[in-house]
Amino acid sequence: MRQYTVPDIPHSVWQKPSHFIAFGFGAGALPFAPGTFGTLIAIPFYLTLQSLSVTTYLLILSSLVIGSIALCQKVSQEIHIEDHQGMCLDEIIGYLVTLINAPRGFIWMALGFLFFRLFDIWKPWPIRWVDHTIHGGLGMILDDVLAGIVSFILLQLLAGFVL
């Protein structure tokens, strides 16, 4: 089981670009709710990507997932803490998964945010299993990708009923 006490934020977050990115572009250095702030940091990234075709969005997102796994693995090894609570690049990725092909508009981004945070915090099965079983960069990113997939499904179902 992973330990979720709040360890000190490494100074390297402000010195190494890879650490800055892994810590959610600095959002993970905040003393409270780093995952929530990391998810908020994802909004400008989503706004940049939302006008792309679904295929292009998925290609970019797939590249980001693979790159994030490698980056989080590398940074964890460098700071000697697996899945540091401040490392919130995974929340950015999970939120981008949530909003795949989402209807446009603030309400859909807000609902996606709420759904994603709910499943990222609650971690129902299989998200919890991944969180506790798969370690390293893969585990850090995969549990948020799964939370994003569940949130994506709910968002799409809701959109199907409303639109």
C-alpha atoms as a PDB file:
ATOM      1  CA  MET A   1       0.000   0.000   0.000  1.00  0.00           C
ATOM      2  CA  ARG A   2       1.275   3.471  -0.827  1.00  0.00           C
ATOM      3  CA  GLN A   3       1.913   6.019   1.860  1.00  0.00           C
ATOM      4  CA  TYR A   4       0.013   9.277   1.456  1.00  0.00           C
ATOM      5  CA  THR A   5       1.579  11.478   4.084  1.00  0.00           C
ATOM      6  CA  VAL A   6       2.634  14.846   2.740  1.00  0.00           C
ATOM      7  CA  PRO A   7       6.397  14.634   2.217  1.00  0.00           C
ATOM      8  CA  ASP A   8       8.441  17.740   1.731  1.00  0.00           C
ATOM      9  CA  ILE A   9       8.359  19.155  -1.748  1.00  0.00           C
ATOM     10  CA  PRO A  10      11.783  18.712  -3.325  1.00  0.00           C
ATOM     11  CA  HIS A  11      13.556  21.955  -4.274  1.00  0.00           C
ATOM     12  CA  SER A  12      14.233  20.327  -7.627  1.00  0.00           C
ATOM     13  CA  VAL A  13      10.622  21.098  -8.604  1.00  0.00           C
ATOM     14  CA  TRP A  14      11.770  24.667  -9.231  1.00  0.00           C
ATOM     15  CA  GLN A  15      15.141  23.691 -10.707  1.00  0.00           C
ATOM     16  CA  LYS A  16      14.545  20.774 -13.077  1.00  0.00           C
ATOM     17  CA  PRO A  17      11.990  21.056 -15.891  1.00  0.00           C
ATOM     18  CA  SER A  18      11.156  17.336 -15.650  1.00  0.00           C
ATOM     19  CA  HIS A  19      10.346  17.689 -11.942  1.00  0.00           C
ATOM     20  CA  PHE A  20       8.325  20.862 -12.574  1.00  0.00           C
ATOM     21  CA  ILE A  21       6.222  19.001 -15.151  1.00  0.00           C
ATOM     22  CA  ALA A  22       5.794  15.882 -12.973  1.00  0.00           C
ATOM     23  CA  PHE A  23       4.632  18.129 -10.134  1.00  0.00           C
ATOM     24  CA  GLY A  24       1.817  19.438 -12.339  1.00  0.00           C
ATOM     25  CA  PHE A  25       3.696  22.494 -13.559  1.00  0.00           C
ATOM     26  CA  GLY A  26       4.149  23.526  -9.927  1.00  0.00           C
ATOM     27  CA  ALA A  27       0.575  22.838  -8.762  1.00  0.00           C
ATOM     28  CA  GLY A  28       1.794  19.867  -6.743  1.00  0.00           C
ATOM     29  CA  ALA A  29       3.953  22.140  -4.623  1.00  0.00           C
ATOM     30  CA  LEU A  30       0.882  23.631  -2.981  1.00  0.00           C
ATOM     31  CA  PRO A  31       0.525  22.495   0.642  1.00  0.00           C
ATOM     32  CA  PHE A  32      -3.063  21.228   0.212  1.00  0.00           C
ATOM     33  CA  ALA A  33      -5.172  19.511  -2.456  1.00  0.00           C
ATOM     34  CA  PRO A  34      -2.376  19.018  -5.017  1.00  0.00           C
ATOM     35  CA  GLY A  35      -4.523  16.601  -7.037  1.00  0.00           C
ATOM     36  CA  THR A  36      -7.355  19.084  -7.307  1.00  0.00           C
ATOM     37  CA  PHE A  37      -5.015  21.864  -8.358  1.00  0.00           C
ATOM     38  CA  GLY A  38      -3.264  19.504 -10.766  1.00  0.00           C
ATOM     39  CA  THR A  39      -6.627  18.786 -12.352  1.00  0.00           C
ATOM     40  CA  LEU A  40      -7.290  22.524 -12.646  1.00  0.00           C
ATOM     41  CA  ILE A  41      -3.946  22.910 -14.427  1.00  0.00           C
ATOM     42  CA  ALA A  42      -5.280  20.479 -17.050  1.00  0.00           C
ATOM     43  CA  ILE A  43      -8.011  22.885 -18.174  1.00  0.00           C
ATOM     44  CA  PRO A  44      -5.799  25.091 -20.393  1.00  0.00           C
ATOM     45  CA  PHE A  45      -4.320  21.945 -21.955  1.00  0.00           C
ATOM     46  CA  TYR A  46      -7.816  20.674 -22.695  1.00  0.00           C
ATOM     47  CA  LEU A  47      -8.864  24.022 -24.157  1.00  0.00           C
ATOM     48  CA  THR A  48      -5.858  23.832 -26.480  1.00  0.00           C
ATOM     49  CA  LEU A  49      -6.736  20.303 -27.609  1.00  0.00           C
ATOM     50  CA  GLN A  50     -10.546  20.404 -27.719  1.00  0.00           C
ATOM     51  CA  SER A  51     -10.824  21.718 -31.274  1.00  0.00           C
ATOM     52  CA  LEU A  52      -8.753  18.839 -32.683  1.00  0.00           C
ATOM     53  CA  SER A  53     -10.334  15.828 -34.310  1.00  0.00           C
ATOM     54  CA  VAL A  54     -10.970  12.903 -31.976  1.00  0.00           C
ATOM     55  CA  THR A  55      -8.268  10.919 -33.782  1.00  0.00           C
ATOM     56  CA  THR A  56      -5.665  13.654 -33.341  1.00  0.00           C
ATOM     57  CA  TYR A  57      -6.736  14.193 -29.712  1.00  0.00           C
ATOM     58  CA  LEU A  58      -6.324  10.472 -29.023  1.00  0.00           C
ATOM     59  CA  LEU A  59      -2.921  10.334 -30.728  1.00  0.00           C
ATOM     60  CA  ILE A  60      -1.655  13.269 -28.681  1.00  0.00           C
ATOM     61  CA  LEU A  61      -3.195  11.872 -25.492  1.00  0.00           C
ATOM     62  CA  SER A  62      -1.626   8.454 -26.114  1.00  0.00           C
ATOM     63  CA  SER A  63       1.768  10.105 -26.522  1.00  0.00           C
ATOM     64  CA  LEU A  64       1.218  12.099 -23.335  1.00  0.00           C
ATOM     65  CA  VAL A  65       0.268   8.947 -21.411  1.00  0.00           C
ATOM     66  CA  ILE A  66       3.396   7.095 -22.542  1.00  0.00           C
ATOM     67  CA  GLY A  67       5.630  10.099 -21.909  1.00  0.00           C
ATOM     68  CA  SER A  68       4.067  10.704 -18.495  1.00  0.00           C
ATOM     69  CA  ILE A  69       4.657   7.114 -17.400  1.00  0.00           C
ATOM     70  CA  ALA A  70       8.350   7.445 -18.253  1.00  0.00           C
ATOM     71  CA  LEU A  71       8.652  10.917 -16.720  1.00  0.00           C
ATOM     72  CA  CYS A  72       6.941   9.985 -13.439  1.00  0.00           C
ATOM     73  CA  GLN A  73       9.095   6.859 -13.149  1.00  0.00           C
ATOM     74  CA  LYS A  74      12.265   8.906 -13.694  1.00  0.00           C
ATOM     75  CA  VAL A  75      11.322  11.683 -11.267  1.00  0.00           C
ATOM     76  CA  SER A  76      10.238   9.196  -8.574  1.00  0.00           C
ATOM     77  CA  GLN A  77      13.619   7.507  -8.796  1.00  0.00           C
ATOM     78  CA  GLU A  78      15.441  10.830  -8.653  1.00  0.00           C
ATOM     79  CA  ILE A  79      13.589  12.101  -5.568  1.00  0.00           C
ATOM     80  CA  HIS A  80      13.560   8.627  -3.954  1.00  0.00           C
ATOM     81  CA  ILE A  81       9.814   8.756  -3.265  1.00  0.00           C
ATOM     82  CA  GLU A  82       7.415   6.583  -5.216  1.00  0.00           C
ATOM     83  CA  ASP A  83       4.218   8.426  -6.101  1.00  0.00           C
ATOM     84  CA  HIS A  84       4.935  11.609  -4.155  1.00  0.00           C
ATOM     85  CA  GLN A  85       1.602  13.232  -3.344  1.00  0.00           C
ATOM     86  CA  GLY A  86       2.724  16.409  -5.092  1.00  0.00           C
ATOM     87  CA  MET A  87       3.376  14.617  -8.372  1.00  0.00           C
ATOM     88  CA  CYS A  88       0.114  15.434 -10.108  1.00  0.00           C
ATOM     89  CA  LEU A  89       0.897  15.020 -13.790  1.00  0.00           C
ATOM     90  CA  ASP A  90      -1.332  11.955 -13.528  1.00  0.00           C
ATOM     91  CA  GLU A  91      -4.331  14.165 -12.721  1.00  0.00           C
ATOM     92  CA  ILE A  92      -3.694  16.205 -15.847  1.00  0.00           C
ATOM     93  CA  ILE A  93      -3.661  13.028 -17.921  1.00  0.00           C
ATOM     94  CA  GLY A  94      -6.767  11.616 -16.201  1.00  0.00           C
ATOM     95  CA  TYR A  95      -8.749  14.798 -16.802  1.00  0.00           C
ATOM     96  CA  LEU A  96      -7.752  14.812 -20.469  1.00  0.00           C
ATOM     97  CA  VAL A  97      -9.002  11.215 -20.703  1.00  0.00           C
ATOM     98  CA  THR A  98     -12.293  12.268 -19.074  1.00  0.00           C
ATOM     99  CA  LEU A  99     -12.891  14.934 -21.705  1.00  0.00           C
ATOM    100  CA  ILE A 100     -12.261  12.819 -24.823  1.00  0.00           C
ATOM    101  CA  ASN A 101     -14.927  13.943 -27.317  1.00  0.00           C
ATOM    102  CA  ALA A 102     -16.786  15.855 -24.583  1.00  0.00           C
ATOM    103  CA  PRO A 103     -19.437  18.345 -25.609  1.00  0.00           C
ATOM    104  CA  ARG A 104     -18.086  21.881 -25.632  1.00  0.00           C
ATOM    105  CA  GLY A 105     -18.854  24.298 -22.861  1.00  0.00           C
ATOM    106  CA  PHE A 106     -18.010  25.177 -19.299  1.00  0.00           C
ATOM    107  CA  ILE A 107     -20.698  22.924 -17.817  1.00  0.00           C
ATOM    108  CA  TRP A 108     -19.188  19.818 -19.474  1.00  0.00           C
ATOM    109  CA  MET A 109     -15.681  20.733 -18.335  1.00  0.00           C
ATOM    110  CA  ALA A 110     -17.007  21.282 -14.791  1.00  0.00           C
ATOM    111  CA  LEU A 111     -18.940  17.992 -14.791  1.00  0.00           C
ATOM    112  CA  GLY A 112     -15.877  16.195 -16.126  1.00  0.00           C
ATOM    113  CA  PHE A 113     -13.818  17.797 -13.371  1.00  0.00           C
ATOM    114  CA  LEU A 114     -16.282  16.670 -10.686  1.00  0.00           C
ATOM    115  CA  PHE A 115     -16.597  13.137 -12.072  1.00  0.00           C
ATOM    116  CA  PHE A 116     -12.840  12.749 -12.409  1.00  0.00           C
ATOM    117  CA  ARG A 117     -12.061  14.074  -8.912  1.00  0.00           C
ATOM    118  CA  LEU A 118     -14.772  11.802  -7.457  1.00  0.00           C
ATOM    119  CA  PHE A 119     -13.344   8.644  -9.003  1.00  0.00           C
ATOM    120  CA  ASP A 120      -9.722   9.677  -8.458  1.00  0.00           C
ATOM    121  CA  ILE A 121     -10.363  10.203  -4.734  1.00  0.00           C
ATOM    122  CA  TRP A 122     -12.878   7.367  -4.159  1.00  0.00           C
ATOM    123  CA  LYS A 123     -10.937   4.825  -6.249  1.00  0.00           C
ATOM    124  CA  PRO A 124     -13.548   2.094  -6.689  1.00  0.00           C
ATOM    125  CA  TRP A 125     -12.430  -1.257  -8.105  1.00  0.00           C
ATOM    126  CA  PRO A 126     -10.445  -1.658 -10.410  1.00  0.00           C
ATOM    127  CA  ILE A 127      -8.916   1.789  -9.836  1.00  0.00           C
ATOM    128  CA  ARG A 128      -8.063   0.942  -6.223  1.00  0.00           C
ATOM    129  CA  TRP A 129      -6.543  -2.395  -7.268  1.00  0.00           C
ATOM    130  CA  VAL A 130      -4.270  -0.655  -9.786  1.00  0.00           C
ATOM    131  CA  ASP A 131      -3.344   2.004  -7.215  1.00  0.00           C
ATOM    132  CA  HIS A 132      -2.309  -0.634  -4.680  1.00  0.00           C
ATOM    133  CA  THR A 133      -0.840  -3.247  -7.013  1.00  0.00           C
ATOM    134  CA  ILE A 134       0.937  -1.581  -9.911  1.00  0.00           C
ATOM    135  CA  HIS A 135       3.893   0.553  -8.930  1.00  0.00           C
ATOM    136  CA  GLY A 136       6.230   2.982 -10.604  1.00  0.00           C
ATOM    137  CA  GLY A 137       5.307   5.398 -13.349  1.00  0.00           C
ATOM    138  CA  LEU A 138       2.836   2.941 -14.867  1.00  0.00           C
ATOM    139  CA  GLY A 139       0.856   2.656 -11.641  1.00  0.00           C
ATOM    140  CA  MET A 140       0.922   6.404 -11.052  1.00  0.00           C
ATOM    141  CA  ILE A 141      -0.577   7.153 -14.448  1.00  0.00           C
ATOM    142  CA  LEU A 142      -2.777   4.069 -14.946  1.00  0.00           C
ATOM    143  CA  ASP A 143      -5.052   4.582 -11.930  1.00  0.00           C
ATOM    144  CA  ASP A 144      -5.825   8.118 -13.133  1.00  0.00           C
ATOM    145  CA  VAL A 145      -6.363   6.912 -16.696  1.00  0.00           C
ATOM    146  CA  LEU A 146      -8.905   4.418 -15.318  1.00  0.00           C
ATOM    147  CA  ALA A 147     -10.590   7.138 -13.234  1.00  0.00           C
ATOM    148  CA  GLY A 148     -10.665   9.186 -16.432  1.00  0.00           C
ATOM    149  CA  ILE A 149     -12.223   6.318 -18.399  1.00  0.00           C
ATOM    150  CA  VAL A 150     -14.997   5.838 -15.833  1.00  0.00           C
ATOM    151  CA  SER A 151     -15.585   9.607 -15.787  1.00  0.00           C
ATOM    152  CA  PHE A 152     -15.555   9.689 -19.607  1.00  0.00           C
ATOM    153  CA  ILE A 153     -18.243   7.001 -19.735  1.00  0.00           C
ATOM    154  CA  LEU A 154     -20.461   8.859 -17.264  1.00  0.00           C
ATOM    155  CA  LEU A 155     -19.972  12.144 -19.082  1.00  0.00           C
ATOM    156  CA  GLN A 156     -20.818  10.572 -22.441  1.00  0.00           C
ATOM    157  CA  LEU A 157     -23.903   8.866 -21.011  1.00  0.00           C
ATOM    158  CA  LEU A 158     -25.069  12.122 -19.491  1.00  0.00           C
ATOM    159  CA  ALA A 159     -24.432  13.981 -22.736  1.00  0.00           C
ATOM    160  CA  GLY A 160     -26.409  11.319 -24.603  1.00  0.00           C
ATOM    161  CA  PHE A 161     -29.415  11.902 -22.358  1.00  0.00           C
ATOM    162  CA  VAL A 162     -29.175  15.695 -22.343  1.00  0.00           C
ATOM    163  CA  LEU A 163     -28.184  16.483 -25.917  1.00  0.00           C
END
